[in-house]
Amino acid sequence: PDDFKIAAALAEHLRSRYSYDLDNPPPRRGEDPLIAFLFETREGHCELFAAGLTALCRSVGIPARLITGFRASEFNTIGRYYVVRQSNAHAWTEVDGGPGIGWQTCEATPPDRVEAGHAAPDGVFASVRELYEHIECAWMKGVVAFDSQTQKSVIDNVTATVKATANRADNAL
């Protein structure tokens, strides 16, 4: 429990005294990007915040690891799933709280700019975008992701259905 309190204090130090910036300048040639982030520029993207917190924790004997993944915050109400984009990539730190507690998330990246960057779109075109993405997702799942045998089977079934419908229409005339 004390280790997590220390890690949380280190995370707060980074959140409050460092700046989040996706366009941070590269370090000087031969300079370690993490060292430059912690001691010189004090600005960077989420990977530098997470790596910085992980290094700070480890430097005082707290078991910590850097985690990378995605922050899914955009829910497609038509298809009832979350949309995950490359721009939703994120990094954070986990700290081992010990037996019975396990690994706990510890976030060092300032939340305001990250949340703004991961916010779901809204406005006039949000519904159109949601519909388009649902159609695209259905196409990917229903056609592109199939192997060639399954694709042939689906196309054959659609063709047979179209022909049967056309035949019924001809017979009705």
C-alpha atoms as a PDB file:
ATOM      1  CA  PRO A   1       0.000   0.000   0.000  1.00  0.00           C
ATOM      2  CA  ASP A   2       2.828   2.448   0.765  1.00  0.00           C
ATOM      3  CA  ASP A   3       4.481   1.644  -2.559  1.00  0.00           C
ATOM      4  CA  PHE A   4       1.300   2.586  -4.404  1.00  0.00           C
ATOM      5  CA  LYS A   5       1.023   5.852  -2.425  1.00  0.00           C
ATOM      6  CA  ILE A   6       4.605   6.709  -3.377  1.00  0.00           C
ATOM      7  CA  ALA A   7       3.935   5.813  -7.034  1.00  0.00           C
ATOM      8  CA  ALA A   8       0.776   7.936  -6.990  1.00  0.00           C
ATOM      9  CA  ALA A   9       2.775  10.890  -5.620  1.00  0.00           C
ATOM     10  CA  LEU A  10       5.394  10.445  -8.370  1.00  0.00           C
ATOM     11  CA  ALA A  11       2.612  10.285 -10.980  1.00  0.00           C
ATOM     12  CA  GLU A  12       1.079  13.485  -9.604  1.00  0.00           C
ATOM     13  CA  HIS A  13       4.481  15.170  -9.790  1.00  0.00           C
ATOM     14  CA  LEU A  14       4.717  14.308 -13.508  1.00  0.00           C
ATOM     15  CA  ARG A  15       1.079  15.260 -14.233  1.00  0.00           C
ATOM     16  CA  SER A  16       1.363  18.639 -12.550  1.00  0.00           C
ATOM     17  CA  ARG A  17       4.868  19.738 -13.563  1.00  0.00           C
ATOM     18  CA  TYR A  18       5.318  18.263 -17.058  1.00  0.00           C
ATOM     19  CA  SER A  19       3.468  19.031 -20.286  1.00  0.00           C
ATOM     20  CA  TYR A  20       1.734  16.612 -22.633  1.00  0.00           C
ATOM     21  CA  ASP A  21       2.798  17.195 -26.234  1.00  0.00           C
ATOM     22  CA  LEU A  22       2.540  14.869 -29.213  1.00  0.00           C
ATOM     23  CA  ASP A  23       4.956  17.053 -31.184  1.00  0.00           C
ATOM     24  CA  ASN A  24       7.757  17.091 -28.652  1.00  0.00           C
ATOM     25  CA  PRO A  25      11.194  17.803 -30.153  1.00  0.00           C
ATOM     26  CA  PRO A  26      13.572  14.858 -30.501  1.00  0.00           C
ATOM     27  CA  PRO A  27      16.462  14.739 -28.037  1.00  0.00           C
ATOM     28  CA  ARG A  28      19.930  15.785 -29.098  1.00  0.00           C
ATOM     29  CA  ARG A  29      21.920  13.173 -30.957  1.00  0.00           C
ATOM     30  CA  GLY A  30      23.032  10.385 -28.660  1.00  0.00           C
ATOM     31  CA  GLU A  31      20.832  11.581 -25.788  1.00  0.00           C
ATOM     32  CA  ASP A  32      18.402   9.181 -24.150  1.00  0.00           C
ATOM     33  CA  PRO A  33      14.824  10.391 -24.825  1.00  0.00           C
ATOM     34  CA  LEU A  34      13.697   9.460 -21.317  1.00  0.00           C
ATOM     35  CA  ILE A  35      16.558  11.347 -19.666  1.00  0.00           C
ATOM     36  CA  ALA A  36      15.789  14.366 -21.876  1.00  0.00           C
ATOM     37  CA  PHE A  37      12.099  14.161 -20.880  1.00  0.00           C
ATOM     38  CA  LEU A  38      12.723  13.843 -17.145  1.00  0.00           C
ATOM     39  CA  PHE A  39      15.507  16.387 -16.752  1.00  0.00           C
ATOM     40  CA  GLU A  40      15.416  18.836 -19.664  1.00  0.00           C
ATOM     41  CA  THR A  41      12.345  19.235 -21.887  1.00  0.00           C
ATOM     42  CA  ARG A  42       9.732  18.136 -19.330  1.00  0.00           C
ATOM     43  CA  GLU A  43       7.284  17.617 -22.158  1.00  0.00           C
ATOM     44  CA  GLY A  44       6.300  14.631 -24.246  1.00  0.00           C
ATOM     45  CA  HIS A  45       3.732  12.035 -25.189  1.00  0.00           C
ATOM     46  CA  CYS A  46       2.142   9.348 -23.010  1.00  0.00           C
ATOM     47  CA  GLU A  47       4.941   6.825 -23.570  1.00  0.00           C
ATOM     48  CA  LEU A  48       7.438   9.218 -22.026  1.00  0.00           C
ATOM     49  CA  PHE A  49       5.149   9.870 -19.044  1.00  0.00           C
ATOM     50  CA  ALA A  50       4.635   6.128 -18.530  1.00  0.00           C
ATOM     51  CA  ALA A  51       8.304   5.279 -19.022  1.00  0.00           C
ATOM     52  CA  GLY A  52       9.284   8.150 -16.725  1.00  0.00           C
ATOM     53  CA  LEU A  53       6.986   6.978 -13.947  1.00  0.00           C
ATOM     54  CA  THR A  54       8.122   3.378 -14.399  1.00  0.00           C
ATOM     55  CA  ALA A  55      11.786   4.427 -14.149  1.00  0.00           C
ATOM     56  CA  LEU A  56      11.157   6.661 -11.126  1.00  0.00           C
ATOM     57  CA  CYS A  57       9.301   3.861  -9.318  1.00  0.00           C
ATOM     58  CA  ARG A  58      11.998   1.317 -10.080  1.00  0.00           C
ATOM     59  CA  SER A  59      14.694   3.761  -8.942  1.00  0.00           C
ATOM     60  CA  VAL A  60      13.226   3.665  -5.419  1.00  0.00           C
ATOM     61  CA  GLY A  61      12.615  -0.110  -5.431  1.00  0.00           C
ATOM     62  CA  ILE A  62       8.934  -0.166  -6.408  1.00  0.00           C
ATOM     63  CA  PRO A  63       8.101  -2.909  -8.927  1.00  0.00           C
ATOM     64  CA  ALA A  64       6.586  -1.164 -11.967  1.00  0.00           C
ATOM     65  CA  ARG A  65       5.976  -1.943 -15.618  1.00  0.00           C
ATOM     66  CA  LEU A  66       5.065   0.056 -18.700  1.00  0.00           C
ATOM     67  CA  ILE A  67       1.844  -0.975 -20.445  1.00  0.00           C
ATOM     68  CA  THR A  68       0.774  -0.046 -23.959  1.00  0.00           C
ATOM     69  CA  GLY A  69      -2.668  -0.459 -25.401  1.00  0.00           C
ATOM     70  CA  PHE A  70      -5.668   1.557 -26.473  1.00  0.00           C
ATOM     71  CA  ARG A  71      -8.224   3.832 -24.792  1.00  0.00           C
ATOM     72  CA  ALA A  72     -11.586   2.977 -26.302  1.00  0.00           C
ATOM     73  CA  SER A  73     -14.031   5.799 -25.660  1.00  0.00           C
ATOM     74  CA  GLU A  74     -16.110   5.956 -28.850  1.00  0.00           C
ATOM     75  CA  PHE A  75     -19.163   3.661 -28.775  1.00  0.00           C
ATOM     76  CA  ASN A  76     -20.960   2.842 -32.037  1.00  0.00           C
ATOM     77  CA  THR A  77     -24.623   2.699 -31.038  1.00  0.00           C
ATOM     78  CA  ILE A  78     -25.696   1.110 -34.327  1.00  0.00           C
ATOM     79  CA  GLY A  79     -23.405  -1.902 -34.082  1.00  0.00           C
ATOM     80  CA  ARG A  80     -23.117  -1.800 -30.255  1.00  0.00           C
ATOM     81  CA  TYR A  81     -19.312  -1.922 -30.130  1.00  0.00           C
ATOM     82  CA  TYR A  82     -16.418   0.375 -29.313  1.00  0.00           C
ATOM     83  CA  VAL A  83     -14.434   1.928 -32.155  1.00  0.00           C
ATOM     84  CA  VAL A  84     -10.681   1.736 -31.605  1.00  0.00           C
ATOM     85  CA  ARG A  85      -8.404   3.834 -33.793  1.00  0.00           C
ATOM     86  CA  GLN A  86      -4.642   4.155 -34.039  1.00  0.00           C
ATOM     87  CA  SER A  87      -5.061   7.591 -32.483  1.00  0.00           C
ATOM     88  CA  ASN A  88      -6.474   5.825 -29.386  1.00  0.00           C
ATOM     89  CA  ALA A  89      -3.065   4.285 -28.635  1.00  0.00           C
ATOM     90  CA  HIS A  90      -1.950   5.000 -25.073  1.00  0.00           C
ATOM     91  CA  ALA A  91       0.720   4.023 -22.553  1.00  0.00           C
ATOM     92  CA  TRP A  92       0.499   3.899 -18.762  1.00  0.00           C
ATOM     93  CA  THR A  93       2.246   2.377 -15.765  1.00  0.00           C
ATOM     94  CA  GLU A  94       1.262  -0.490 -13.507  1.00  0.00           C
ATOM     95  CA  VAL A  95       2.673  -0.824  -9.998  1.00  0.00           C
ATOM     96  CA  ASP A  96       2.758  -4.093  -8.071  1.00  0.00           C
ATOM     97  CA  GLY A  97       0.893  -3.601  -4.808  1.00  0.00           C
ATOM     98  CA  GLY A  98       2.117  -6.927  -3.423  1.00  0.00           C
ATOM     99  CA  PRO A  99       0.336 -10.128  -2.373  1.00  0.00           C
ATOM    100  CA  GLY A 100      -3.432  -9.846  -2.357  1.00  0.00           C
ATOM    101  CA  ILE A 101      -3.335  -6.521  -4.211  1.00  0.00           C
ATOM    102  CA  GLY A 102      -1.546  -7.269  -7.482  1.00  0.00           C
ATOM    103  CA  TRP A 103      -0.794  -4.879 -10.304  1.00  0.00           C
ATOM    104  CA  GLN A 104      -2.556  -1.518 -10.087  1.00  0.00           C
ATOM    105  CA  THR A 105      -2.834   1.122 -12.825  1.00  0.00           C
ATOM    106  CA  CYS A 106      -1.007   4.358 -12.119  1.00  0.00           C
ATOM    107  CA  GLU A 107      -1.533   7.116 -14.701  1.00  0.00           C
ATOM    108  CA  ALA A 108       1.105   9.849 -15.012  1.00  0.00           C
ATOM    109  CA  THR A 109      -0.070  11.501 -18.238  1.00  0.00           C
ATOM    110  CA  PRO A 110      -2.015  14.745 -17.685  1.00  0.00           C
ATOM    111  CA  PRO A 111      -5.633  13.777 -18.366  1.00  0.00           C
ATOM    112  CA  ASP A 112      -7.057  16.903 -19.991  1.00  0.00           C
ATOM    113  CA  ARG A 113      -5.210  16.765 -23.341  1.00  0.00           C
ATOM    114  CA  VAL A 114      -5.360  12.963 -23.495  1.00  0.00           C
ATOM    115  CA  GLU A 115      -9.122  12.901 -22.917  1.00  0.00           C
ATOM    116  CA  ALA A 116      -9.631  15.634 -25.505  1.00  0.00           C
ATOM    117  CA  GLY A 117      -7.635  13.627 -28.034  1.00  0.00           C
ATOM    118  CA  HIS A 118      -9.603  10.467 -27.307  1.00  0.00           C
ATOM    119  CA  ALA A 119     -13.055  12.061 -27.173  1.00  0.00           C
ATOM    120  CA  ALA A 120     -15.751  10.673 -29.435  1.00  0.00           C
ATOM    121  CA  PRO A 121     -16.827  13.027 -32.227  1.00  0.00           C
ATOM    122  CA  ASP A 122     -20.122  14.844 -31.943  1.00  0.00           C
ATOM    123  CA  GLY A 123     -22.130  17.252 -34.026  1.00  0.00           C
ATOM    124  CA  VAL A 124     -23.911  17.059 -37.358  1.00  0.00           C
ATOM    125  CA  PHE A 125     -21.666  14.519 -39.031  1.00  0.00           C
ATOM    126  CA  ALA A 126     -21.201  12.189 -36.038  1.00  0.00           C
ATOM    127  CA  SER A 127     -24.280  10.094 -36.952  1.00  0.00           C
ATOM    128  CA  VAL A 128     -23.229   9.843 -40.594  1.00  0.00           C
ATOM    129  CA  ARG A 129     -19.736   8.808 -39.528  1.00  0.00           C
ATOM    130  CA  GLU A 130     -21.181   6.237 -37.127  1.00  0.00           C
ATOM    131  CA  LEU A 131     -23.326   4.706 -39.885  1.00  0.00           C
ATOM    132  CA  TYR A 132     -20.433   4.659 -42.359  1.00  0.00           C
ATOM    133  CA  GLU A 133     -18.124   3.012 -39.818  1.00  0.00           C
ATOM    134  CA  HIS A 134     -20.751   0.402 -39.008  1.00  0.00           C
ATOM    135  CA  ILE A 135     -21.142  -0.462 -42.707  1.00  0.00           C
ATOM    136  CA  GLU A 136     -17.358  -0.603 -43.077  1.00  0.00           C
ATOM    137  CA  CYS A 137     -17.040  -2.831 -39.997  1.00  0.00           C
ATOM    138  CA  ALA A 138     -19.780  -5.172 -41.248  1.00  0.00           C
ATOM    139  CA  TRP A 139     -18.055  -5.388 -44.648  1.00  0.00           C
ATOM    140  CA  MET A 140     -14.708  -6.175 -43.001  1.00  0.00           C
ATOM    141  CA  LYS A 141     -16.205  -8.818 -40.708  1.00  0.00           C
ATOM    142  CA  GLY A 142     -18.602 -10.236 -43.272  1.00  0.00           C
ATOM    143  CA  VAL A 143     -16.456 -10.328 -46.392  1.00  0.00           C
ATOM    144  CA  VAL A 144     -12.837  -9.264 -46.084  1.00  0.00           C
ATOM    145  CA  ALA A 145     -12.025 -11.314 -42.983  1.00  0.00           C
ATOM    146  CA  PHE A 146     -13.365 -14.527 -44.520  1.00  0.00           C
ATOM    147  CA  ASP A 147     -11.030 -17.003 -46.166  1.00  0.00           C
ATOM    148  CA  SER A 148     -11.478 -17.589 -49.904  1.00  0.00           C
ATOM    149  CA  GLN A 149     -13.754 -20.621 -49.425  1.00  0.00           C
ATOM    150  CA  THR A 150     -16.106 -18.724 -47.122  1.00  0.00           C
ATOM    151  CA  GLN A 151     -16.100 -15.690 -49.463  1.00  0.00           C
ATOM    152  CA  LYS A 152     -17.089 -17.973 -52.375  1.00  0.00           C
ATOM    153  CA  SER A 153     -19.855 -19.527 -50.295  1.00  0.00           C
ATOM    154  CA  VAL A 154     -21.264 -16.127 -49.299  1.00  0.00           C
ATOM    155  CA  ILE A 155     -21.136 -14.859 -52.906  1.00  0.00           C
ATOM    156  CA  ASP A 156     -22.809 -18.063 -54.149  1.00  0.00           C
ATOM    157  CA  ASN A 157     -25.588 -17.688 -51.549  1.00  0.00           C
ATOM    158  CA  VAL A 158     -26.156 -14.023 -52.426  1.00  0.00           C
ATOM    159  CA  THR A 159     -26.199 -14.878 -56.149  1.00  0.00           C
ATOM    160  CA  ALA A 160     -28.705 -17.692 -55.584  1.00  0.00           C
ATOM    161  CA  THR A 161     -30.925 -15.404 -53.502  1.00  0.00           C
ATOM    162  CA  VAL A 162     -30.871 -12.688 -56.181  1.00  0.00           C
ATOM    163  CA  LYS A 163     -31.688 -15.224 -58.921  1.00  0.00           C
ATOM    164  CA  ALA A 164     -34.519 -16.752 -56.875  1.00  0.00           C
ATOM    165  CA  THR A 165     -35.976 -13.296 -56.200  1.00  0.00           C
ATOM    166  CA  ALA A 166     -35.727 -12.397 -59.917  1.00  0.00           C
ATOM    167  CA  ASN A 167     -37.429 -15.688 -60.887  1.00  0.00           C
ATOM    168  CA  ARG A 168     -40.300 -15.055 -58.449  1.00  0.00           C
ATOM    169  CA  ALA A 169     -40.711 -11.556 -59.886  1.00  0.00           C
ATOM    170  CA  ASP A 170     -40.794 -12.953 -63.470  1.00  0.00           C
ATOM    171  CA  ASN A 171     -43.341 -15.612 -62.511  1.00  0.00           C
ATOM    172  CA  ALA A 172     -45.535 -13.004 -60.830  1.00  0.00           C
ATOM    173  CA  LEU A 173     -45.727 -11.018 -64.071  1.00  0.00           C
END
